[in-house]
């Protein structure tokens, strides 16, 4: 089984590599000069927005599956860096789909709850998308490309992803842990609701998609829908940190550039039923992360 992983230097990409089946032959691509979790001969520096280069890579490696863990994910910057966001999230997916159709590959793609407006969550896979920010619009455009691509594809929608990987930008949980350990006060919103997702569980879900040759849309996230402030308190409790440093705030007070889906959340029943996953609640995912961090120390 030959697997091409895009965004292989990111959090999800590294966990996909770490949790790969022993029979999988992995090739990774990313924008970095060198790989983080792969040997150099199994890595290629590549911009997914470059169609000819993407096609050449797929033609040379001829993967059975492409796992697309690459994305532009800076929600606020997406409002002003629209061309960069579109190139990574839409043009890149279009180029992958063209290569998959030409060389008969399957594609597993990662999407987001930001394709919904957050007015009527939590959401099932078949609920009508209505993104309210540019990042969400780009991710929905990518989903629509796959709909019309005539290739076998599976999409894993997720949200609030956290975990452990080398040389990656901080996620919400790692930022919280670092801030509280250094005694820095933090302000966390009380009015944004959704699932929280341990990256290893998402990676396991994607590998299960490959194993089952799944097609269509799956919501893969933690089982509990929770507001960010309460989640922050759980982080402090699991990692034995001082929750008195955590202050509540509303989203409106933050004056963020991009709108957020406020009452979001993903219903994960389909993934539990069809993929046979075991997904954690908020505390359970944090406990798994703590165990992982202890093992790698």
Protein backbone atom coordinates (compact mmCIF):
# COMPACT_ATOMS: atom_id res chain seq x y z
CA UNK A 1 0.00 0.00 0.00
CA UNK A 2 1.56 3.26 -1.17
CA UNK A 3 0.49 6.40 0.66
CA UNK A 4 1.30 10.02 -0.18
CA UNK A 5 0.83 12.35 2.81
CA UNK A 6 0.62 16.08 2.14
CA UNK A 7 1.40 18.48 4.95
CA UNK A 8 3.57 15.74 6.44
CA UNK A 9 5.51 18.17 8.67
CA UNK A 10 2.38 19.42 10.44
CA UNK A 11 0.70 18.06 13.55
CA UNK A 12 -1.74 15.77 11.74
CA UNK A 13 0.81 14.78 9.10
CA UNK A 14 3.31 13.68 11.73
CA UNK A 15 0.69 11.69 13.63
CA UNK A 16 -0.45 10.00 10.40
CA UNK A 17 3.15 8.92 9.83
CA UNK A 18 3.58 7.74 13.43
CA UNK A 19 0.36 5.70 13.36
CA UNK A 20 0.73 4.32 9.83
CA UNK A 21 0.16 0.59 9.31
CA UNK A 22 3.39 -1.38 9.05
CA UNK A 23 2.63 -2.39 5.45
CA UNK A 24 2.24 1.23 4.29
CA UNK A 25 4.96 2.70 2.09
CA UNK A 26 4.92 6.41 2.93
CA UNK A 27 5.98 9.40 0.84
CA UNK A 28 5.57 12.88 2.31
CA UNK A 29 5.36 16.36 0.83
CA UNK A 30 5.35 19.76 2.49
CA UNK A 31 6.69 23.29 2.03
CA UNK A 32 9.63 22.89 4.41
CA UNK A 33 13.19 22.41 3.23
CA UNK A 34 13.49 19.09 5.06
CA UNK A 35 11.22 16.46 6.62
CA UNK A 36 10.49 16.32 10.34
CA UNK A 37 9.23 12.74 10.68
CA UNK A 38 10.46 11.00 7.52
CA UNK A 39 13.87 10.10 6.06
CA UNK A 40 14.99 12.54 3.33
CA UNK A 41 14.56 9.98 0.55
CA UNK A 42 10.86 9.71 1.47
CA UNK A 43 10.24 13.46 1.29
CA UNK A 44 9.73 16.07 -1.40
CA UNK A 45 9.43 19.81 -0.94
CA UNK A 46 6.36 20.75 -2.95
CA UNK A 47 3.80 23.53 -3.27
CA UNK A 48 0.37 21.98 -3.89
CA UNK A 49 -0.59 25.07 -5.86
CA UNK A 50 1.89 24.09 -8.59
CA UNK A 51 -0.15 21.76 -10.82
CA UNK A 52 2.66 20.34 -12.95
CA UNK A 53 4.83 19.57 -9.92
CA UNK A 54 1.92 17.86 -8.14
CA UNK A 55 1.17 15.75 -11.20
CA UNK A 56 4.84 14.79 -11.58
CA UNK A 57 5.04 13.73 -7.94
CA UNK A 58 1.93 11.56 -8.19
CA UNK A 59 3.04 10.11 -11.52
CA UNK A 60 6.42 9.12 -10.05
CA UNK A 61 5.20 7.66 -6.76
CA UNK A 62 1.81 6.32 -7.96
CA UNK A 63 0.12 6.17 -4.54
CA UNK A 64 -2.93 4.09 -3.76
CA UNK A 65 -4.14 6.88 -1.47
CA UNK A 66 -3.29 10.54 -0.98
CA UNK A 67 -3.96 11.77 2.55
CA UNK A 68 -4.32 15.54 2.35
CA UNK A 69 -3.31 16.98 5.71
CA UNK A 70 -2.06 20.23 4.16
CA UNK A 71 -4.06 23.42 4.65
CA UNK A 72 -3.91 27.13 5.31
CA UNK A 73 -5.49 27.28 8.78
CA UNK A 74 -4.88 30.81 10.10
CA UNK A 75 -8.53 31.85 10.35
CA UNK A 76 -7.85 35.54 11.02
CA UNK A 77 -5.09 35.97 8.45
CA UNK A 78 -7.24 34.26 5.83
CA UNK A 79 -9.38 37.39 5.71
CA UNK A 80 -6.43 39.39 4.34
CA UNK A 81 -4.19 36.70 2.83
CA UNK A 82 -6.94 35.41 0.58
CA UNK A 83 -4.75 34.39 -2.34
CA UNK A 84 -2.47 32.30 -0.12
CA UNK A 85 -5.46 30.71 1.60
CA UNK A 86 -7.15 29.88 -1.71
CA UNK A 87 -3.97 28.49 -3.25
CA UNK A 88 -3.43 26.04 -0.38
CA UNK A 89 -7.02 25.11 0.41
CA UNK A 90 -8.67 25.15 -3.01
CA UNK A 91 -6.15 25.17 -5.86
CA UNK A 92 -4.09 22.54 -4.04
CA UNK A 93 -7.10 20.24 -3.66
CA UNK A 94 -8.06 20.78 -7.29
CA UNK A 95 -4.53 19.79 -8.37
CA UNK A 96 -4.60 16.68 -6.18
CA UNK A 97 -8.00 15.69 -7.58
CA UNK A 98 -6.77 16.08 -11.17
CA UNK A 99 -3.73 13.90 -10.42
CA UNK A 100 -5.90 11.31 -8.63
CA UNK A 101 -8.23 11.06 -11.61
CA UNK A 102 -5.32 10.70 -14.03
CA UNK A 103 -3.39 8.11 -12.01
CA UNK A 104 -6.31 6.30 -10.34
CA UNK A 105 -5.64 7.24 -6.70
CA UNK A 106 -8.06 7.61 -3.82
CA UNK A 107 -8.06 10.85 -1.82
CA UNK A 108 -8.72 11.38 1.88
CA UNK A 109 -9.16 15.07 2.67
CA UNK A 110 -9.47 16.96 5.96
CA UNK A 111 -12.13 19.65 6.31
CA UNK A 112 -13.59 21.68 9.15
CA UNK A 113 -16.66 22.77 11.07
CA UNK A 114 -16.00 26.27 9.69
CA UNK A 115 -18.02 25.31 6.60
CA UNK A 116 -21.06 25.83 8.89
CA UNK A 117 -22.26 29.14 10.30
CA UNK A 118 -22.52 27.97 13.92
CA UNK A 119 -26.13 29.06 14.30
CA UNK A 120 -27.73 25.63 14.56
CA UNK A 121 -25.02 23.21 15.70
CA UNK A 122 -24.11 20.53 16.33
CA UNK A 123 -24.09 19.36 12.73
CA UNK A 124 -24.47 16.07 10.89
CA UNK A 125 -22.63 15.24 7.69
CA UNK A 126 -25.66 15.99 5.51
CA UNK A 127 -26.49 19.41 7.04
CA UNK A 128 -26.36 22.37 4.67
CA UNK A 129 -23.05 24.29 4.79
CA UNK A 130 -23.04 28.07 5.21
CA UNK A 131 -19.56 29.45 5.96
CA UNK A 132 -19.29 32.97 7.37
CA UNK A 133 -15.54 33.61 6.98
CA UNK A 134 -13.07 33.30 4.14
CA UNK A 135 -11.29 30.28 5.64
CA UNK A 136 -14.57 28.38 5.84
CA UNK A 137 -15.49 29.43 2.32
CA UNK A 138 -12.18 28.09 1.01
CA UNK A 139 -12.68 24.75 2.77
CA UNK A 140 -16.22 24.43 1.40
CA UNK A 141 -14.92 25.23 -2.10
CA UNK A 142 -12.48 22.33 -1.72
CA UNK A 143 -15.29 19.99 -0.70
CA UNK A 144 -17.29 21.10 -3.75
CA UNK A 145 -14.32 20.36 -6.01
CA UNK A 146 -14.20 16.82 -4.67
CA UNK A 147 -17.96 16.45 -5.20
CA UNK A 148 -17.49 17.13 -8.89
CA UNK A 149 -14.15 15.38 -9.35
CA UNK A 150 -15.38 11.88 -10.26
CA UNK A 151 -12.67 10.33 -8.06
CA UNK A 152 -13.14 8.08 -5.00
CA UNK A 153 -12.73 10.40 -2.03
CA UNK A 154 -13.44 10.59 1.69
CA UNK A 155 -13.60 13.75 3.78
CA UNK A 156 -12.96 13.94 7.53
CA UNK A 157 -14.39 17.11 9.04
CA UNK A 158 -12.86 18.00 12.39
CA UNK A 159 -12.29 20.92 14.77
CA UNK A 160 -10.08 22.23 17.62
CA UNK A 161 -7.26 19.81 16.83
CA UNK A 162 -4.49 19.33 19.39
CA UNK A 163 -1.71 16.87 20.07
CA UNK A 164 2.04 16.36 20.10
CA UNK A 165 4.46 16.81 17.19
CA UNK A 166 7.89 18.25 16.60
CA UNK A 167 8.50 21.78 15.29
CA UNK A 168 4.87 22.75 14.81
CA UNK A 169 3.08 25.95 15.74
CA UNK A 170 1.29 25.81 19.12
CA UNK A 171 -2.29 24.53 19.14
CA UNK A 172 -4.85 25.68 21.71
CA UNK A 173 -3.89 23.04 24.28
CA UNK A 174 -0.11 23.44 23.99
CA UNK A 175 -0.50 27.23 24.16
CA UNK A 176 -2.64 26.89 27.26
CA UNK A 177 -0.20 24.54 28.98
CA UNK A 178 2.79 26.75 28.17
CA UNK A 179 1.01 29.93 29.31
CA UNK A 180 -0.15 28.48 32.62
CA UNK A 181 3.22 26.87 33.37
CA UNK A 182 4.86 30.26 32.91
CA UNK A 183 2.27 31.93 35.13
CA UNK A 184 0.79 34.02 32.33
CA UNK A 185 -2.88 34.98 32.69
CA UNK A 186 -5.09 33.97 29.74
CA UNK A 187 -8.53 35.11 28.61
CA UNK A 188 -10.71 32.40 27.09
CA UNK A 189 -14.11 32.77 25.46
CA UNK A 190 -17.21 31.36 27.10
CA UNK A 191 -19.51 31.64 24.08
CA UNK A 192 -17.84 29.43 21.45
CA UNK A 193 -19.01 25.82 21.58
CA UNK A 194 -17.78 22.72 19.77
CA UNK A 195 -15.87 19.46 19.94
CA UNK A 196 -12.19 19.17 20.81
CA UNK A 197 -10.09 16.62 18.92
CA UNK A 198 -7.00 14.67 19.94
CA UNK A 199 -4.90 14.45 16.76
CA UNK A 200 -4.10 10.76 17.21
CA UNK A 201 -7.81 9.92 17.13
CA UNK A 202 -8.28 11.88 13.91
CA UNK A 203 -5.23 10.15 12.40
CA UNK A 204 -6.63 6.76 13.42
CA UNK A 205 -9.94 7.70 11.80
CA UNK A 206 -8.23 8.59 8.53
CA UNK A 207 -6.31 5.32 8.53
CA UNK A 208 -9.61 3.52 9.15
CA UNK A 209 -11.01 5.29 6.08
CA UNK A 210 -8.13 3.88 4.08
CA UNK A 211 -8.62 0.40 5.50
CA UNK A 212 -12.36 0.44 4.75
CA UNK A 213 -11.96 2.23 1.39
CA UNK A 214 -14.54 4.66 2.78
CA UNK A 215 -16.19 7.25 0.59
CA UNK A 216 -18.13 10.38 1.45
CA UNK A 217 -18.16 12.60 4.51
CA UNK A 218 -17.37 11.75 8.12
CA UNK A 219 -17.29 13.92 11.22
CA UNK A 220 -14.29 12.86 13.29
CA UNK A 221 -13.82 14.77 16.52
CA UNK A 222 -14.12 14.29 20.25
CA UNK A 223 -17.52 13.14 21.48
CA UNK A 224 -18.17 16.06 23.84
CA UNK A 225 -19.39 19.50 22.81
CA UNK A 226 -18.01 22.07 25.21
CA UNK A 227 -17.27 25.79 25.40
CA UNK A 228 -13.63 26.93 25.16
CA UNK A 229 -13.51 28.33 28.71
CA UNK A 230 -14.66 25.05 30.26
CA UNK A 231 -12.17 23.19 28.07
CA UNK A 232 -9.41 25.46 29.34
CA UNK A 233 -10.37 24.60 32.93
CA UNK A 234 -10.16 20.90 32.04
CA UNK A 235 -6.68 21.44 30.59
CA UNK A 236 -5.58 23.04 33.84
CA UNK A 237 -7.07 20.19 35.88
CA UNK A 238 -5.54 17.35 33.82
CA UNK A 239 -2.08 18.95 33.73
CA UNK A 240 -2.15 20.16 37.37
CA UNK A 241 -1.96 23.84 36.49
CA UNK A 242 -3.40 26.94 38.18
CA UNK A 243 -6.87 27.62 36.79
CA UNK A 244 -7.01 30.95 38.62
CA UNK A 245 -4.96 32.33 35.71
CA UNK A 246 -7.87 31.62 33.33
CA UNK A 247 -10.33 34.49 32.95
CA UNK A 248 -13.63 34.34 31.02
CA UNK A 249 -14.24 36.67 28.10
CA UNK A 250 -16.75 36.93 25.25
CA UNK A 251 -15.86 36.64 21.58
CA UNK A 252 -17.05 40.18 20.92
CA UNK A 253 -14.48 41.51 23.38
CA UNK A 254 -11.62 39.96 21.40
CA UNK A 255 -12.33 41.97 18.21
CA UNK A 256 -11.02 39.16 15.99
CA UNK A 257 -10.64 39.75 12.26
CA UNK A 258 -12.65 36.69 11.23
CA UNK A 259 -16.13 35.69 12.40
CA UNK A 260 -16.44 32.37 14.23
CA UNK A 261 -19.17 29.73 14.15
CA UNK A 262 -20.28 30.25 17.75
CA UNK A 263 -22.56 27.30 18.51
CA UNK A 264 -20.88 24.74 16.35
CA UNK A 265 -20.05 21.11 16.97
CA UNK A 266 -19.92 17.93 14.90
CA UNK A 267 -22.11 14.89 15.50
CA UNK A 268 -19.76 11.91 15.24
CA UNK A 269 -22.26 9.02 15.26
CA UNK A 270 -21.55 8.03 11.66
CA UNK A 271 -17.80 7.71 12.29
CA UNK A 272 -18.40 5.67 15.43
CA UNK A 273 -20.83 3.38 13.62
CA UNK A 274 -19.25 2.95 10.18
CA UNK A 275 -15.55 3.29 10.99
CA UNK A 276 -15.65 1.60 14.38
CA UNK A 277 -13.74 4.42 16.06
CA UNK A 278 -13.34 5.01 19.77
CA UNK A 279 -13.41 8.77 20.28
CA UNK A 280 -12.78 10.50 23.59
CA UNK A 281 -14.64 13.19 25.48
CA UNK A 282 -12.78 16.40 26.34
CA UNK A 283 -11.08 15.09 29.48
CA UNK A 284 -10.34 11.70 27.94
CA UNK A 285 -8.48 13.25 25.02
CA UNK A 286 -6.40 15.40 27.35
CA UNK A 287 -5.52 12.37 29.48
CA UNK A 288 -4.32 10.56 26.32
CA UNK A 289 -2.20 13.58 25.41
CA UNK A 290 -0.68 13.65 28.91
CA UNK A 291 0.20 9.96 28.61
CA UNK A 292 1.76 10.58 25.18
CA UNK A 293 3.83 13.49 26.47
CA UNK A 294 5.05 11.39 29.39
CA UNK A 295 6.09 8.63 27.00
CA UNK A 296 8.15 10.94 24.75
CA UNK A 297 9.87 12.87 27.57
